[in-house]
Amino acid sequence: MPSSLPPSFFIYILRCSDNSLYVVHSANLQERVKAHNVGKTAAWTACRRPIVLVYSEQAENEQEAIRRELQLKRWMHAKKQALIEGDLAQLKTLAKRRVR
């Protein structure tokens, strides 16, 4: 019996073996993380395995997931790290900085 619930979308951050952070979205978080770890997804993560899921959040729909993914991709590494650590004070400090 098909589910009547709309699909869920997730925005997530992966930490690669070289300490780089990879931001992406998916409707199936656990399967995508598995696929990243066996090298069946993005070339970026395929050559930087193993990867570890370090952050995820749920979005209301795919458009919202894409919007949030693009927002996080623009953030510097330090700001993403503050988000991962749940350091709201550091997030606020980094949000005030403007790089020109």
PDB file of N, CA and C in Angstrom:
ATOM      1  N   MET A   1       0.843  -1.188   0.000  1.00  0.00           N
ATOM      2  CA  MET A   1       0.000   0.000   0.000  1.00  0.00           C
ATOM      3  C   MET A   1       0.885   1.246   0.000  1.00  0.00           C
ATOM      4  N   PRO A   2       0.747   2.121  -0.980  1.00  0.00           N
ATOM      5  CA  PRO A   2       1.568   3.326  -1.042  1.00  0.00           C
ATOM      6  C   PRO A   2       1.242   4.287   0.093  1.00  0.00           C
ATOM      7  N   SER A   3       2.257   4.985   0.538  1.00  0.00           N
ATOM      8  CA  SER A   3       2.087   5.953   1.611  1.00  0.00           C
ATOM      9  C   SER A   3       1.422   7.212   1.062  1.00  0.00           C
ATOM     10  N   SER A   4       0.534   7.803   1.866  1.00  0.00           N
ATOM     11  CA  SER A   4      -0.112   9.043   1.463  1.00  0.00           C
ATOM     12  C   SER A   4       0.658  10.260   1.966  1.00  0.00           C
ATOM     13  N   LEU A   5       1.720  10.015   2.738  1.00  0.00           N
ATOM     14  CA  LEU A   5       2.532  11.113   3.232  1.00  0.00           C
ATOM     15  C   LEU A   5       3.447  11.629   2.131  1.00  0.00           C
ATOM     16  N   PRO A   6       3.654  12.947   2.077  1.00  0.00           N
ATOM     17  CA  PRO A   6       4.585  13.479   1.078  1.00  0.00           C
ATOM     18  C   PRO A   6       6.003  13.025   1.420  1.00  0.00           C
ATOM     19  N   PRO A   7       6.862  12.911   0.425  1.00  0.00           N
ATOM     20  CA  PRO A   7       8.232  12.483   0.709  1.00  0.00           C
ATOM     21  C   PRO A   7       8.956  13.513   1.575  1.00  0.00           C
ATOM     22  N   SER A   8       9.838  13.036   2.417  1.00  0.00           N
ATOM     23  CA  SER A   8      10.660  13.914   3.243  1.00  0.00           C
ATOM     24  C   SER A   8      11.967  14.183   2.515  1.00  0.00           C
ATOM     25  N   PHE A   9      12.498  15.352   2.709  1.00  0.00           N
ATOM     26  CA  PHE A   9      13.786  15.710   2.135  1.00  0.00           C
ATOM     27  C   PHE A   9      14.710  16.148   3.255  1.00  0.00           C
ATOM     28  N   PHE A  10      15.967  15.842   3.089  1.00  0.00           N
ATOM     29  CA  PHE A  10      16.966  16.165   4.088  1.00  0.00           C
ATOM     30  C   PHE A  10      18.107  16.932   3.448  1.00  0.00           C
ATOM     31  N   ILE A  11      18.647  17.868   4.207  1.00  0.00           N
ATOM     32  CA  ILE A  11      19.870  18.545   3.847  1.00  0.00           C
ATOM     33  C   ILE A  11      20.899  17.966   4.803  1.00  0.00           C
ATOM     34  N   TYR A  12      22.058  17.576   4.277  1.00  0.00           N
ATOM     35  CA  TYR A  12      23.026  16.973   5.177  1.00  0.00           C
ATOM     36  C   TYR A  12      24.436  17.395   4.820  1.00  0.00           C
ATOM     37  N   ILE A  13      25.301  17.251   5.819  1.00  0.00           N
ATOM     38  CA  ILE A  13      26.709  17.579   5.647  1.00  0.00           C
ATOM     39  C   ILE A  13      27.513  16.326   5.954  1.00  0.00           C
ATOM     40  N   LEU A  14      28.414  16.014   5.037  1.00  0.00           N
ATOM     41  CA  LEU A  14      29.315  14.884   5.201  1.00  0.00           C
ATOM     42  C   LEU A  14      30.721  15.415   5.455  1.00  0.00           C
ATOM     43  N   ARG A  15      31.438  14.767   6.366  1.00  0.00           N
ATOM     44  CA  ARG A  15      32.855  15.074   6.545  1.00  0.00           C
ATOM     45  C   ARG A  15      33.632  13.997   5.801  1.00  0.00           C
ATOM     46  N   CYS A  16      34.481  14.432   4.882  1.00  0.00           N
ATOM     47  CA  CYS A  16      35.289  13.512   4.085  1.00  0.00           C
ATOM     48  C   CYS A  16      36.599  13.206   4.807  1.00  0.00           C
ATOM     49  N   SER A  17      37.314  12.211   4.321  1.00  0.00           N
ATOM     50  CA  SER A  17      38.568  11.793   4.949  1.00  0.00           C
ATOM     51  C   SER A  17      39.623  12.900   4.959  1.00  0.00           C
ATOM     52  N   ASP A  18      39.530  13.856   4.036  1.00  0.00           N
ATOM     53  CA  ASP A  18      40.478  14.976   4.004  1.00  0.00           C
ATOM     54  C   ASP A  18      39.988  16.172   4.828  1.00  0.00           C
ATOM     55  N   ASN A  19      38.936  15.961   5.617  1.00  0.00           N
ATOM     56  CA  ASN A  19      38.319  16.966   6.494  1.00  0.00           C
ATOM     57  C   ASN A  19      37.494  18.003   5.734  1.00  0.00           C
ATOM     58  N   SER A  20      37.310  17.834   4.437  1.00  0.00           N
ATOM     59  CA  SER A  20      36.421  18.731   3.690  1.00  0.00           C
ATOM     60  C   SER A  20      34.974  18.393   4.055  1.00  0.00           C
ATOM     61  N   LEU A  21      34.110  19.373   3.861  1.00  0.00           N
ATOM     62  CA  LEU A  21      32.684  19.188   4.152  1.00  0.00           C
ATOM     63  C   LEU A  21      31.910  19.240   2.844  1.00  0.00           C
ATOM     64  N   TYR A  22      30.991  18.308   2.682  1.00  0.00           N
ATOM     65  CA  TYR A  22      30.200  18.193   1.464  1.00  0.00           C
ATOM     66  C   TYR A  22      28.733  18.369   1.839  1.00  0.00           C
ATOM     67  N   VAL A  23      28.072  19.356   1.248  1.00  0.00           N
ATOM     68  CA  VAL A  23      26.673  19.670   1.546  1.00  0.00           C
ATOM     69  C   VAL A  23      25.805  19.224   0.379  1.00  0.00           C
ATOM     70  N   VAL A  24      24.716  18.534   0.677  1.00  0.00           N
ATOM     71  CA  VAL A  24      23.820  18.040  -0.373  1.00  0.00           C
ATOM     72  C   VAL A  24      22.451  17.746   0.237  1.00  0.00           C
ATOM     73  N   HIS A  25      21.468  17.471  -0.618  1.00  0.00           N
ATOM     74  CA  HIS A  25      20.148  17.095  -0.118  1.00  0.00           C
ATOM     75  C   HIS A  25      19.718  15.783  -0.762  1.00  0.00           C
ATOM     76  N   SER A  26      18.766  15.126  -0.119  1.00  0.00           N
ATOM     77  CA  SER A  26      18.257  13.854  -0.635  1.00  0.00           C
ATOM     78  C   SER A  26      16.920  13.535   0.028  1.00  0.00           C
ATOM     79  N   ALA A  27      16.149  12.704  -0.644  1.00  0.00           N
ATOM     80  CA  ALA A  27      14.893  12.218  -0.064  1.00  0.00           C
ATOM     81  C   ALA A  27      15.134  10.978   0.789  1.00  0.00           C
ATOM     82  N   ASN A  28      16.255  10.305   0.601  1.00  0.00           N
ATOM     83  CA  ASN A  28      16.545   9.080   1.336  1.00  0.00           C
ATOM     84  C   ASN A  28      17.934   9.199   1.967  1.00  0.00           C
ATOM     85  N   LEU A  29      17.979   9.775   3.130  1.00  0.00           N
ATOM     86  CA  LEU A  29      19.239  10.113   3.786  1.00  0.00           C
ATOM     87  C   LEU A  29      20.138   8.902   4.008  1.00  0.00           C
ATOM     88  N   GLN A  30      19.633   7.876   4.650  1.00  0.00           N
ATOM     89  CA  GLN A  30      20.479   6.728   5.006  1.00  0.00           C
ATOM     90  C   GLN A  30      21.023   6.009   3.772  1.00  0.00           C
ATOM     91  N   GLU A  31      20.202   5.830   2.758  1.00  0.00           N
ATOM     92  CA  GLU A  31      20.671   5.160   1.539  1.00  0.00           C
ATOM     93  C   GLU A  31      21.713   5.991   0.809  1.00  0.00           C
ATOM     94  N   ARG A  32      21.537   7.313   0.804  1.00  0.00           N
ATOM     95  CA  ARG A  32      22.506   8.175   0.135  1.00  0.00           C
ATOM     96  C   ARG A  32      23.845   8.161   0.852  1.00  0.00           C
ATOM     97  N   VAL A  33      23.827   8.151   2.186  1.00  0.00           N
ATOM     98  CA  VAL A  33      25.081   8.101   2.937  1.00  0.00           C
ATOM     99  C   VAL A  33      25.808   6.795   2.626  1.00  0.00           C
ATOM    100  N   LYS A  34      25.069   5.691   2.582  1.00  0.00           N
ATOM    101  CA  LYS A  34      25.674   4.404   2.217  1.00  0.00           C
ATOM    102  C   LYS A  34      26.275   4.475   0.817  1.00  0.00           C
ATOM    103  N   ALA A  35      25.541   5.065  -0.119  1.00  0.00           N
ATOM    104  CA  ALA A  35      26.020   5.181  -1.498  1.00  0.00           C
ATOM    105  C   ALA A  35      27.287   6.033  -1.577  1.00  0.00           C
ATOM    106  N   HIS A  36      27.351   7.110  -0.787  1.00  0.00           N
ATOM    107  CA  HIS A  36      28.564   7.934  -0.757  1.00  0.00           C
ATOM    108  C   HIS A  36      29.753   7.100  -0.291  1.00  0.00           C
ATOM    109  N   ASN A  37      29.539   6.267   0.710  1.00  0.00           N
ATOM    110  CA  ASN A  37      30.646   5.499   1.281  1.00  0.00           C
ATOM    111  C   ASN A  37      31.137   4.370   0.395  1.00  0.00           C
ATOM    112  N   VAL A  38      30.330   3.947  -0.561  1.00  0.00           N
ATOM    113  CA  VAL A  38      30.806   2.919  -1.499  1.00  0.00           C
ATOM    114  C   VAL A  38      31.221   3.529  -2.832  1.00  0.00           C
ATOM    115  N   GLY A  39      31.163   4.853  -2.930  1.00  0.00           N
ATOM    116  CA  GLY A  39      31.644   5.543  -4.122  1.00  0.00           C
ATOM    117  C   GLY A  39      30.668   5.584  -5.275  1.00  0.00           C
ATOM    118  N   LYS A  40      29.370   5.411  -5.011  1.00  0.00           N
ATOM    119  CA  LYS A  40      28.374   5.386  -6.091  1.00  0.00           C
ATOM    120  C   LYS A  40      27.648   6.717  -6.271  1.00  0.00           C
ATOM    121  N   THR A  41      28.177   7.774  -5.719  1.00  0.00           N
ATOM    122  CA  THR A  41      27.513   9.084  -5.873  1.00  0.00           C
ATOM    123  C   THR A  41      28.517  10.095  -6.410  1.00  0.00           C
ATOM    124  N   ALA A  42      28.578  11.231  -5.801  1.00  0.00           N
ATOM    125  CA  ALA A  42      29.405  12.336  -6.284  1.00  0.00           C
ATOM    126  C   ALA A  42      30.884  11.982  -6.358  1.00  0.00           C
ATOM    127  N   ALA A  43      31.535  12.468  -7.396  1.00  0.00           N
ATOM    128  CA  ALA A  43      32.971  12.240  -7.568  1.00  0.00           C
ATOM    129  C   ALA A  43      33.757  12.828  -6.394  1.00  0.00           C
ATOM    130  N   TRP A  44      33.267  13.945  -5.851  1.00  0.00           N
ATOM    131  CA  TRP A  44      33.953  14.592  -4.726  1.00  0.00           C
ATOM    132  C   TRP A  44      34.092  13.630  -3.552  1.00  0.00           C
ATOM    133  N   THR A  45      33.008  12.980  -3.173  1.00  0.00           N
ATOM    134  CA  THR A  45      33.062  12.072  -2.024  1.00  0.00           C
ATOM    135  C   THR A  45      33.671  10.726  -2.391  1.00  0.00           C
ATOM    136  N   ALA A  46      33.545  10.317  -3.633  1.00  0.00           N
ATOM    137  CA  ALA A  46      34.059   9.011  -4.063  1.00  0.00           C
ATOM    138  C   ALA A  46      35.568   8.902  -3.854  1.00  0.00           C
ATOM    139  N   CYS A  47      36.279   9.993  -4.065  1.00  0.00           N
ATOM    140  CA  CYS A  47      37.734   9.948  -3.902  1.00  0.00           C
ATOM    141  C   CYS A  47      38.188  10.477  -2.540  1.00  0.00           C
ATOM    142  N   ARG A  48      37.250  10.686  -1.636  1.00  0.00           N
ATOM    143  CA  ARG A  48      37.581  11.188  -0.299  1.00  0.00           C
ATOM    144  C   ARG A  48      36.945  10.307   0.789  1.00  0.00           C
ATOM    145  N   ARG A  49      36.798   9.048   0.487  1.00  0.00           N
ATOM    146  CA  ARG A  49      36.205   8.120   1.449  1.00  0.00           C
ATOM    147  C   ARG A  49      37.233   7.693   2.487  1.00  0.00           C
ATOM    148  N   PRO A  50      36.777   7.292   3.661  1.00  0.00           N
ATOM    149  CA  PRO A  50      35.381   7.189   4.070  1.00  0.00           C
ATOM    150  C   PRO A  50      34.808   8.557   4.429  1.00  0.00           C
ATOM    151  N   ILE A  51      33.516   8.639   4.346  1.00  0.00           N
ATOM    152  CA  ILE A  51      32.809   9.861   4.731  1.00  0.00           C
ATOM    153  C   ILE A  51      31.978   9.554   5.974  1.00  0.00           C
ATOM    154  N   VAL A  52      31.663  10.617   6.719  1.00  0.00           N
ATOM    155  CA  VAL A  52      30.864  10.478   7.931  1.00  0.00           C
ATOM    156  C   VAL A  52      29.762  11.524   7.890  1.00  0.00           C
ATOM    157  N   LEU A  53      28.551  11.106   8.164  1.00  0.00           N
ATOM    158  CA  LEU A  53      27.438  12.047   8.285  1.00  0.00           C
ATOM    159  C   LEU A  53      27.626  12.818   9.585  1.00  0.00           C
ATOM    160  N   VAL A  54      27.771  14.145   9.488  1.00  0.00           N
ATOM    161  CA  VAL A  54      28.006  14.950  10.686  1.00  0.00           C
ATOM    162  C   VAL A  54      26.861  15.896  11.011  1.00  0.00           C
ATOM    163  N   TYR A  55      25.926  16.082  10.060  1.00  0.00           N
ATOM    164  CA  TYR A  55      24.807  16.994  10.303  1.00  0.00           C
ATOM    165  C   TYR A  55      23.699  16.683   9.326  1.00  0.00           C
ATOM    166  N   SER A  56      22.466  16.785   9.794  1.00  0.00           N
ATOM    167  CA  SER A  56      21.314  16.691   8.890  1.00  0.00           C
ATOM    168  C   SER A  56      20.154  17.480   9.466  1.00  0.00           C
ATOM    169  N   GLU A  57      19.316  17.951   8.571  1.00  0.00           N
ATOM    170  CA  GLU A  57      18.066  18.602   8.970  1.00  0.00           C
ATOM    171  C   GLU A  57      17.020  18.263   7.925  1.00  0.00           C
ATOM    172  N   GLN A  58      15.785  18.258   8.348  1.00  0.00           N
ATOM    173  CA  GLN A  58      14.686  17.908   7.444  1.00  0.00           C
ATOM    174  C   GLN A  58      14.090  19.177   6.846  1.00  0.00           C
ATOM    175  N   ALA A  59      13.670  19.079   5.600  1.00  0.00           N
ATOM    176  CA  ALA A  59      13.029  20.195   4.903  1.00  0.00           C
ATOM    177  C   ALA A  59      11.571  19.833   4.625  1.00  0.00           C
ATOM    178  N   GLU A  60      10.747  20.853   4.482  1.00  0.00           N
ATOM    179  CA  GLU A  60       9.316  20.639   4.226  1.00  0.00           C
ATOM    180  C   GLU A  60       9.059  20.052   2.844  1.00  0.00           C
ATOM    181  N   ASN A  61       9.910  20.420   1.876  1.00  0.00           N
ATOM    182  CA  ASN A  61       9.731  19.931   0.511  1.00  0.00           C
ATOM    183  C   ASN A  61      11.064  20.043  -0.223  1.00  0.00           C
ATOM    184  N   GLU A  62      11.104  19.567  -1.452  1.00  0.00           N
ATOM    185  CA  GLU A  62      12.365  19.573  -2.186  1.00  0.00           C
ATOM    186  C   GLU A  62      12.859  20.976  -2.493  1.00  0.00           C
ATOM    187  N   GLN A  63      11.972  21.883  -2.803  1.00  0.00           N
ATOM    188  CA  GLN A  63      12.391  23.259  -3.099  1.00  0.00           C
ATOM    189  C   GLN A  63      13.061  23.895  -1.881  1.00  0.00           C
ATOM    190  N   GLU A  64      12.501  23.661  -0.693  1.00  0.00           N
ATOM    191  CA  GLU A  64      13.089  24.182   0.537  1.00  0.00           C
ATOM    192  C   GLU A  64      14.449  23.524   0.802  1.00  0.00           C
ATOM    193  N   ALA A  65      14.562  22.235   0.513  1.00  0.00           N
ATOM    194  CA  ALA A  65      15.831  21.522   0.687  1.00  0.00           C
ATOM    195  C   ALA A  65      16.900  22.114  -0.226  1.00  0.00           C
ATOM    196  N   ILE A  66      16.545  22.389  -1.465  1.00  0.00           N
ATOM    197  CA  ILE A  66      17.499  22.969  -2.417  1.00  0.00           C
ATOM    198  C   ILE A  66      17.913  24.366  -1.970  1.00  0.00           C
ATOM    199  N   ARG A  67      16.951  25.160  -1.523  1.00  0.00           N
ATOM    200  CA  ARG A  67      17.247  26.516  -1.049  1.00  0.00           C
ATOM    201  C   ARG A  67      18.237  26.475   0.117  1.00  0.00           C
ATOM    202  N   ARG A  68      17.988  25.602   1.076  1.00  0.00           N
ATOM    203  CA  ARG A  68      18.860  25.495   2.252  1.00  0.00           C
ATOM    204  C   ARG A  68      20.238  24.934   1.863  1.00  0.00           C
ATOM    205  N   GLU A  69      20.255  23.959   0.977  1.00  0.00           N
ATOM    206  CA  GLU A  69      21.523  23.396   0.512  1.00  0.00           C
ATOM    207  C   GLU A  69      22.392  24.494  -0.104  1.00  0.00           C
ATOM    208  N   LEU A  70      21.813  25.303  -0.974  1.00  0.00           N
ATOM    209  CA  LEU A  70      22.562  26.384  -1.621  1.00  0.00           C
ATOM    210  C   LEU A  70      23.045  27.404  -0.602  1.00  0.00           C
ATOM    211  N   GLN A  71      22.227  27.675   0.411  1.00  0.00           N
ATOM    212  CA  GLN A  71      22.631  28.600   1.475  1.00  0.00           C
ATOM    213  C   GLN A  71      23.863  28.057   2.207  1.00  0.00           C
ATOM    214  N   LEU A  72      23.794  26.797   2.624  1.00  0.00           N
ATOM    215  CA  LEU A  72      24.905  26.207   3.374  1.00  0.00           C
ATOM    216  C   LEU A  72      26.170  26.093   2.521  1.00  0.00           C
ATOM    217  N   LYS A  73      26.023  25.834   1.247  1.00  0.00           N
ATOM    218  CA  LYS A  73      27.188  25.722   0.367  1.00  0.00           C
ATOM    219  C   LYS A  73      27.962  27.036   0.281  1.00  0.00           C
ATOM    220  N   ARG A  74      27.288  28.157   0.473  1.00  0.00           N
ATOM    221  CA  ARG A  74      27.947  29.463   0.427  1.00  0.00           C
ATOM    222  C   ARG A  74      28.703  29.778   1.723  1.00  0.00           C
ATOM    223  N   TRP A  75      28.428  29.026   2.778  1.00  0.00           N
ATOM    224  CA  TRP A  75      29.078  29.293   4.057  1.00  0.00           C
ATOM    225  C   TRP A  75      30.532  28.835   4.040  1.00  0.00           C
ATOM    226  N   MET A  76      31.384  29.555   4.783  1.00  0.00           N
ATOM    227  CA  MET A  76      32.767  29.129   4.943  1.00  0.00           C
ATOM    228  C   MET A  76      32.823  27.898   5.866  1.00  0.00           C
ATOM    229  N   HIS A  77      33.934  27.209   5.800  1.00  0.00           N
ATOM    230  CA  HIS A  77      34.119  25.973   6.575  1.00  0.00           C
ATOM    231  C   HIS A  77      33.835  26.194   8.063  1.00  0.00           C
ATOM    232  N   ALA A  78      34.344  27.290   8.628  1.00  0.00           N
ATOM    233  CA  ALA A  78      34.187  27.558  10.063  1.00  0.00           C
ATOM    234  C   ALA A  78      32.714  27.696  10.452  1.00  0.00           C
ATOM    235  N   LYS A  79      31.937  28.323   9.593  1.00  0.00           N
ATOM    236  CA  LYS A  79      30.521  28.502   9.896  1.00  0.00           C
ATOM    237  C   LYS A  79      29.779  27.166   9.817  1.00  0.00           C
ATOM    238  N   LYS A  80      30.115  26.342   8.834  1.00  0.00           N
ATOM    239  CA  LYS A  80      29.518  25.004   8.755  1.00  0.00           C
ATOM    240  C   LYS A  80      29.889  24.201   9.993  1.00  0.00           C
ATOM    241  N   GLN A  81      31.147  24.325  10.438  1.00  0.00           N
ATOM    242  CA  GLN A  81      31.596  23.597  11.619  1.00  0.00           C
ATOM    243  C   GLN A  81      30.817  24.043  12.858  1.00  0.00           C
ATOM    244  N   ALA A  82      30.561  25.326  12.982  1.00  0.00           N
ATOM    245  CA  ALA A  82      29.777  25.830  14.114  1.00  0.00           C
ATOM    246  C   ALA A  82      28.360  25.256  14.080  1.00  0.00           C
ATOM    247  N   LEU A  83      27.780  25.146  12.888  1.00  0.00           N
ATOM    248  CA  LEU A  83      26.451  24.545  12.747  1.00  0.00           C
ATOM    249  C   LEU A  83      26.495  23.081  13.179  1.00  0.00           C
ATOM    250  N   ILE A  84      27.487  22.357  12.719  1.00  0.00           N
ATOM    251  CA  ILE A  84      27.640  20.938  13.067  1.00  0.00           C
ATOM    252  C   ILE A  84      27.745  20.769  14.579  1.00  0.00           C
ATOM    253  N   GLU A  85      28.506  21.645  15.225  1.00  0.00           N
ATOM    254  CA  GLU A  85      28.731  21.562  16.669  1.00  0.00           C
ATOM    255  C   GLU A  85      27.582  22.143  17.478  1.00  0.00           C
ATOM    256  N   GLY A  86      26.632  22.802  16.814  1.00  0.00           N
ATOM    257  CA  GLY A  86      25.516  23.420  17.530  1.00  0.00           C
ATOM    258  C   GLY A  86      25.940  24.645  18.325  1.00  0.00           C
ATOM    259  N   ASP A  87      27.016  25.303  17.895  1.00  0.00           N
ATOM    260  CA  ASP A  87      27.574  26.465  18.583  1.00  0.00           C
ATOM    261  C   ASP A  87      26.893  27.733  18.058  1.00  0.00           C
ATOM    262  N   LEU A  88      25.764  28.076  18.660  1.00  0.00           N
ATOM    263  CA  LEU A  88      24.981  29.218  18.181  1.00  0.00           C
ATOM    264  C   LEU A  88      25.709  30.545  18.342  1.00  0.00           C
ATOM    265  N   ALA A  89      26.490  30.695  19.411  1.00  0.00           N
ATOM    266  CA  ALA A  89      27.238  31.935  19.611  1.00  0.00           C
ATOM    267  C   ALA A  89      28.256  32.131  18.481  1.00  0.00           C
ATOM    268  N   GLN A  90      28.959  31.071  18.128  1.00  0.00           N
ATOM    269  CA  GLN A  90      29.940  31.153  17.040  1.00  0.00           C
ATOM    270  C   GLN A  90      29.240  31.402  15.699  1.00  0.00           C
ATOM    271  N   LEU A  91      28.096  30.770  15.495  1.00  0.00           N
ATOM    272  CA  LEU A  91      27.327  31.007  14.263  1.00  0.00           C
ATOM    273  C   LEU A  91      26.967  32.482  14.133  1.00  0.00           C
ATOM    274  N   LYS A  92      26.507  33.085  15.233  1.00  0.00           N
ATOM    275  CA  LYS A  92      26.136  34.504  15.213  1.00  0.00           C
ATOM    276  C   LYS A  92      27.355  35.367  14.913  1.00  0.00           C
ATOM    277  N   THR A  93      28.478  35.046  15.529  1.00  0.00           N
ATOM    278  CA  THR A  93      29.699  35.811  15.297  1.00  0.00           C
ATOM    279  C   THR A  93      30.117  35.722  13.828  1.00  0.00           C
ATOM    280  N   LEU A  94      30.116  34.522  13.284  1.00  0.00           N
ATOM    281  CA  LEU A  94      30.519  34.325  11.894  1.00  0.00           C
ATOM    282  C   LEU A  94      29.518  34.936  10.919  1.00  0.00           C
ATOM    283  N   ALA A  95      28.253  34.980  11.294  1.00  0.00           N
ATOM    284  CA  ALA A  95      27.229  35.555  10.427  1.00  0.00           C
ATOM    285  C   ALA A  95      27.412  37.073  10.289  1.00  0.00           C
ATOM    286  N   LYS A  96      28.022  37.694  11.287  1.00  0.00           N
ATOM    287  CA  LYS A  96      28.242  39.149  11.259  1.00  0.00           C
ATOM    288  C   LYS A  96      29.408  39.523  10.369  1.00  0.00           C
ATOM    289  N   ARG A  97      30.286  38.571  10.098  1.00  0.00           N
ATOM    290  CA  ARG A  97      31.454  38.851   9.254  1.00  0.00           C
ATOM    291  C   ARG A  97      31.033  38.873   7.789  1.00  0.00           C
ATOM    292  N   ARG A  98      31.557  39.816   7.091  1.00  0.00           N
ATOM    293  CA  ARG A  98      31.293  39.927   5.664  1.00  0.00           C
ATOM    294  C   ARG A  98      32.605  39.872   4.925  1.00  0.00           C
ATOM    295  N   VAL A  99      32.770  38.897   4.094  1.00  0.00           N
ATOM    296  CA  VAL A  99      33.990  38.766   3.297  1.00  0.00           C
ATOM    297  C   VAL A  99      33.768  39.473   1.973  1.00  0.00           C
ATOM    298  N   ARG A 100      34.656  40.366   1.645  1.00  0.00           N
ATOM    299  CA  ARG A 100      34.522  41.112   0.384  1.00  0.00           C
ATOM    300  C   ARG A 100      35.677  40.811  -0.513  1.00  0.00           C
TER     301      ARG A 100
END
